[in-house]
Protein backbone atom coordinates (compact mmCIF):
# COMPACT_ATOMS: atom_id res chain seq x y z
CA MET A 1 -5.78 14.76 19.58
CA ALA A 2 -4.67 13.04 15.73
CA ASP A 3 -6.40 10.03 14.41
CA ARG A 4 -3.83 7.40 14.69
CA ARG A 5 -4.12 4.39 12.38
CA HIS A 6 -2.00 1.18 12.18
CA ILE A 7 -1.08 0.63 8.67
CA PHE A 8 1.68 -1.36 6.73
CA ILE A 9 2.57 0.23 3.42
CA SER A 10 3.82 -2.08 0.74
CA HIS A 11 6.29 -0.65 -1.28
CA HIS A 12 9.16 -1.08 -3.31
CA HIS A 13 12.47 -0.42 -1.42
CA ALA A 14 13.68 2.26 -3.36
CA ASP A 15 10.41 4.50 -2.69
CA ASP A 16 11.58 4.20 1.07
CA ALA A 17 11.72 7.97 1.10
CA LEU A 18 7.83 7.98 -0.14
CA VAL A 19 6.92 5.91 2.51
CA THR A 20 8.00 9.02 4.80
CA ASN A 21 6.49 11.92 2.06
CA LEU A 22 3.21 9.91 2.43
CA THR A 23 3.36 9.69 6.40
CA ARG A 24 4.25 13.58 6.56
CA MET A 25 1.38 14.33 3.74
CA LEU A 26 -1.28 12.87 6.09
CA GLY A 27 0.24 14.01 9.16
CA ARG A 28 -0.34 17.58 7.86
CA THR A 29 -3.92 17.17 8.28
CA GLY A 30 -3.99 15.61 11.58
CA TYR A 31 -3.96 12.30 10.54
CA GLU A 32 -1.32 10.14 12.17
CA ILE A 33 -0.10 6.78 10.57
CA ARG A 34 2.03 4.20 12.47
CA ASN A 35 3.45 1.95 9.76
CA SER A 36 4.61 -1.07 10.40
CA SER A 37 6.56 -1.72 7.21
CA ILE A 38 10.47 -3.31 6.89
CA ARG A 39 12.65 -0.24 5.74
CA ALA A 40 15.72 -2.07 5.40
CA LYS A 41 18.90 0.17 6.91
CA PRO A 42 21.69 0.29 3.69
CA ALA A 43 23.59 -2.86 5.77
CA ASN A 44 20.44 -5.30 5.85
CA GLN A 45 19.28 -4.02 2.45
CA ARG A 46 22.43 -5.40 1.03
CA ARG A 47 21.64 -8.90 3.00
CA LEU A 48 18.54 -8.65 1.58
CA ASP A 49 19.96 -7.97 -2.02
CA GLU A 50 22.24 -10.71 -1.18
CA GLY A 51 19.63 -13.48 -0.23
CA GLN A 52 21.29 -14.15 3.11
CA VAL A 53 18.27 -13.72 4.74
CA PRO A 54 16.30 -16.65 4.58
CA GLU A 55 12.54 -16.44 2.71
CA ARG A 56 10.98 -18.00 5.34
CA THR A 57 12.13 -15.42 7.80
CA LEU A 58 11.15 -12.73 5.29
CA LYS A 59 7.72 -14.05 5.49
CA ARG A 60 7.48 -14.68 9.06
CA LEU A 61 8.39 -11.10 9.51
CA LEU A 62 6.14 -9.69 7.16
CA ARG A 63 3.13 -11.77 8.31
CA MET A 64 4.01 -10.54 11.90
CA LYS A 65 3.80 -6.91 10.80
CA MET A 66 1.21 -7.46 8.76
CA SER A 67 -1.32 -8.73 11.06
CA TRP A 68 -0.93 -5.62 13.92
CA ALA A 69 -2.05 -3.10 10.99
CA SER A 70 -5.64 -2.54 10.01
CA THR A 71 -4.71 -1.26 6.31
CA VAL A 72 -2.25 -2.27 4.11
CA VAL A 73 -1.55 0.61 2.09
CA LEU A 74 0.19 -0.12 -1.68
CA LEU A 75 2.42 2.35 -2.62
CA ILE A 76 2.59 2.58 -6.73
CA GLY A 77 5.21 3.88 -8.35
CA LYS A 78 6.75 2.86 -12.02
CA ASP A 79 8.55 -0.48 -10.88
CA THR A 80 6.16 -1.73 -7.93
CA HIS A 81 4.53 -4.13 -10.64
CA LYS A 82 7.73 -5.89 -10.85
CA ARG A 83 8.44 -6.58 -7.39
CA PRO A 84 7.79 -10.34 -6.32
CA TRP A 85 7.44 -9.34 -2.83
CA VAL A 86 4.79 -6.36 -3.18
CA ASP A 87 2.41 -8.96 -4.80
CA TRP A 88 3.31 -11.63 -1.78
CA GLU A 89 2.27 -9.04 0.40
CA ILE A 90 -0.97 -8.27 -1.62
CA LYS A 91 -1.85 -11.53 -1.09
CA LYS A 92 -0.85 -12.26 2.12
CA ALA A 93 -2.78 -8.88 3.47
CA ASN A 94 -5.86 -10.58 1.50
CA GLU A 95 -5.62 -13.97 3.17
CA LEU A 96 -5.39 -12.03 6.46
CA GLY A 97 -8.43 -9.79 5.81
CA LYS A 98 -6.73 -6.93 5.37
CA ARG A 99 -8.31 -3.96 3.52
CA ILE A 100 -5.81 -2.86 0.55
CA VAL A 101 -5.64 0.34 -0.65
CA GLY A 102 -3.65 1.53 -3.76
CA VAL A 103 -1.97 5.02 -3.71
CA TYR A 104 -0.45 6.29 -7.04
CA GLU A 105 3.01 7.96 -6.53
CA ARG A 106 3.08 11.08 -8.48
CA GLY A 107 4.29 9.93 -11.59
CA GLY A 108 2.79 6.75 -11.66
CA THR A 109 0.64 5.16 -14.20
CA GLU A 110 -2.15 2.43 -14.80
CA ASN A 111 0.42 0.14 -16.16
CA ASP A 112 2.43 0.22 -12.65
CA VAL A 113 -0.47 -1.39 -10.78
CA PRO A 114 0.46 -4.87 -10.13
CA GLU A 115 -1.82 -7.99 -11.17
CA ALA A 116 -2.07 -9.06 -7.47
CA PHE A 117 -3.93 -5.43 -6.27
CA ASN A 118 -6.01 -5.51 -9.78
CA LYS A 119 -7.44 -8.81 -8.13
CA TYR A 120 -7.81 -8.01 -4.38
CA GLY A 121 -7.26 -3.95 -3.88
CA ASP A 122 -10.34 -2.38 -2.12
CA ALA A 123 -9.62 1.27 -3.34
CA LEU A 124 -7.23 3.13 -5.76
CA VAL A 125 -6.83 6.53 -5.47
CA CYS A 126 -4.14 9.45 -6.19
CA TRP A 127 -1.61 11.19 -4.40
CA ASN A 128 -4.00 13.44 -2.25
CA SER A 129 -4.30 13.42 1.53
CA ALA A 130 -8.48 13.59 1.37
CA SER A 131 -8.44 10.77 -1.08
CA VAL A 132 -6.14 8.73 1.12
CA ILE A 133 -7.66 9.14 4.42
CA ASP A 134 -11.30 7.91 3.17
CA ALA A 135 -9.82 5.36 1.31
CA ILE A 136 -8.20 3.78 4.53
CA GLU A 137 -10.91 4.54 6.64
CA GLY A 138 -13.10 2.82 4.23
CA LYS A 139 -15.68 5.94 3.98
CA CYS A 140 -15.23 5.32 0.05
CA ASP A 141 -13.91 2.69 -2.24
CA PRO A 142 -12.92 4.33 -5.27
CA PHE A 143 -10.87 3.31 -8.17
CA GLU A 144 -8.84 6.20 -10.05
CA GLY A 145 -6.84 6.83 -12.80
CA PRO A 146 -3.44 8.85 -11.60
CA ASP A 147 -4.83 11.64 -12.39
CA GLY A 148 -8.19 10.97 -10.12
CA ALA A 149 -10.30 10.39 -12.85
CA PRO A 150 -12.65 7.44 -11.75
CA ARG A 151 -12.22 3.79 -13.32
CA GLN A 152 -13.56 0.33 -13.23
CA PRO A 153 -11.21 -2.10 -11.34
CA THR A 154 -10.19 -4.82 -13.56
CA ASN A 155 -11.65 -7.78 -12.10
CA TYR A 156 -14.74 -6.06 -10.28
CA THR A 157 -16.00 -7.40 -7.37
CA PRO A 158 -19.09 -5.20 -5.88
CA ARG A 159 -17.58 -3.56 -2.83
CA SER A 160 -18.07 0.17 -2.33
CA ASN A 161 -19.47 1.96 0.04
CA CYS A 162 -19.88 5.27 -2.13
CA ALA A 163 -23.15 6.55 -3.05
CA ALA A 164 -23.91 5.92 -6.61
């Protein structure tokens, strides 16, 4: 039986396809992801873009979906750091005591990492199934650059499970 994890994948809605790519990549290793994040259908996305859904409704829905997950995974791409909802999700995950793991999308850069993640993130890894799984599991708390090379967290708080 596959290892199953309940996670919330925080992402820019333009990166919905990458959410599927991430779950498939991990699935090929026998790791099953049950993702509680929101991926709006086109008609619903239009309603969101037009501001037809009250902010309090969105926050309540996101909070409910996030509380179900053990870990929040942040997909980091070129526009992630510009998204106010991503920042809100990171801060809410921290308030809820969730583990927060950043994963660079292919082509993502260190400049794409949201400030809220720099403040609250637990691990930051490149697009590699073994690294992502270890970070979700909390086996190790690496902070990597997009190329997988080690980097120091911006707001360093000792929290590593890795052997020095």
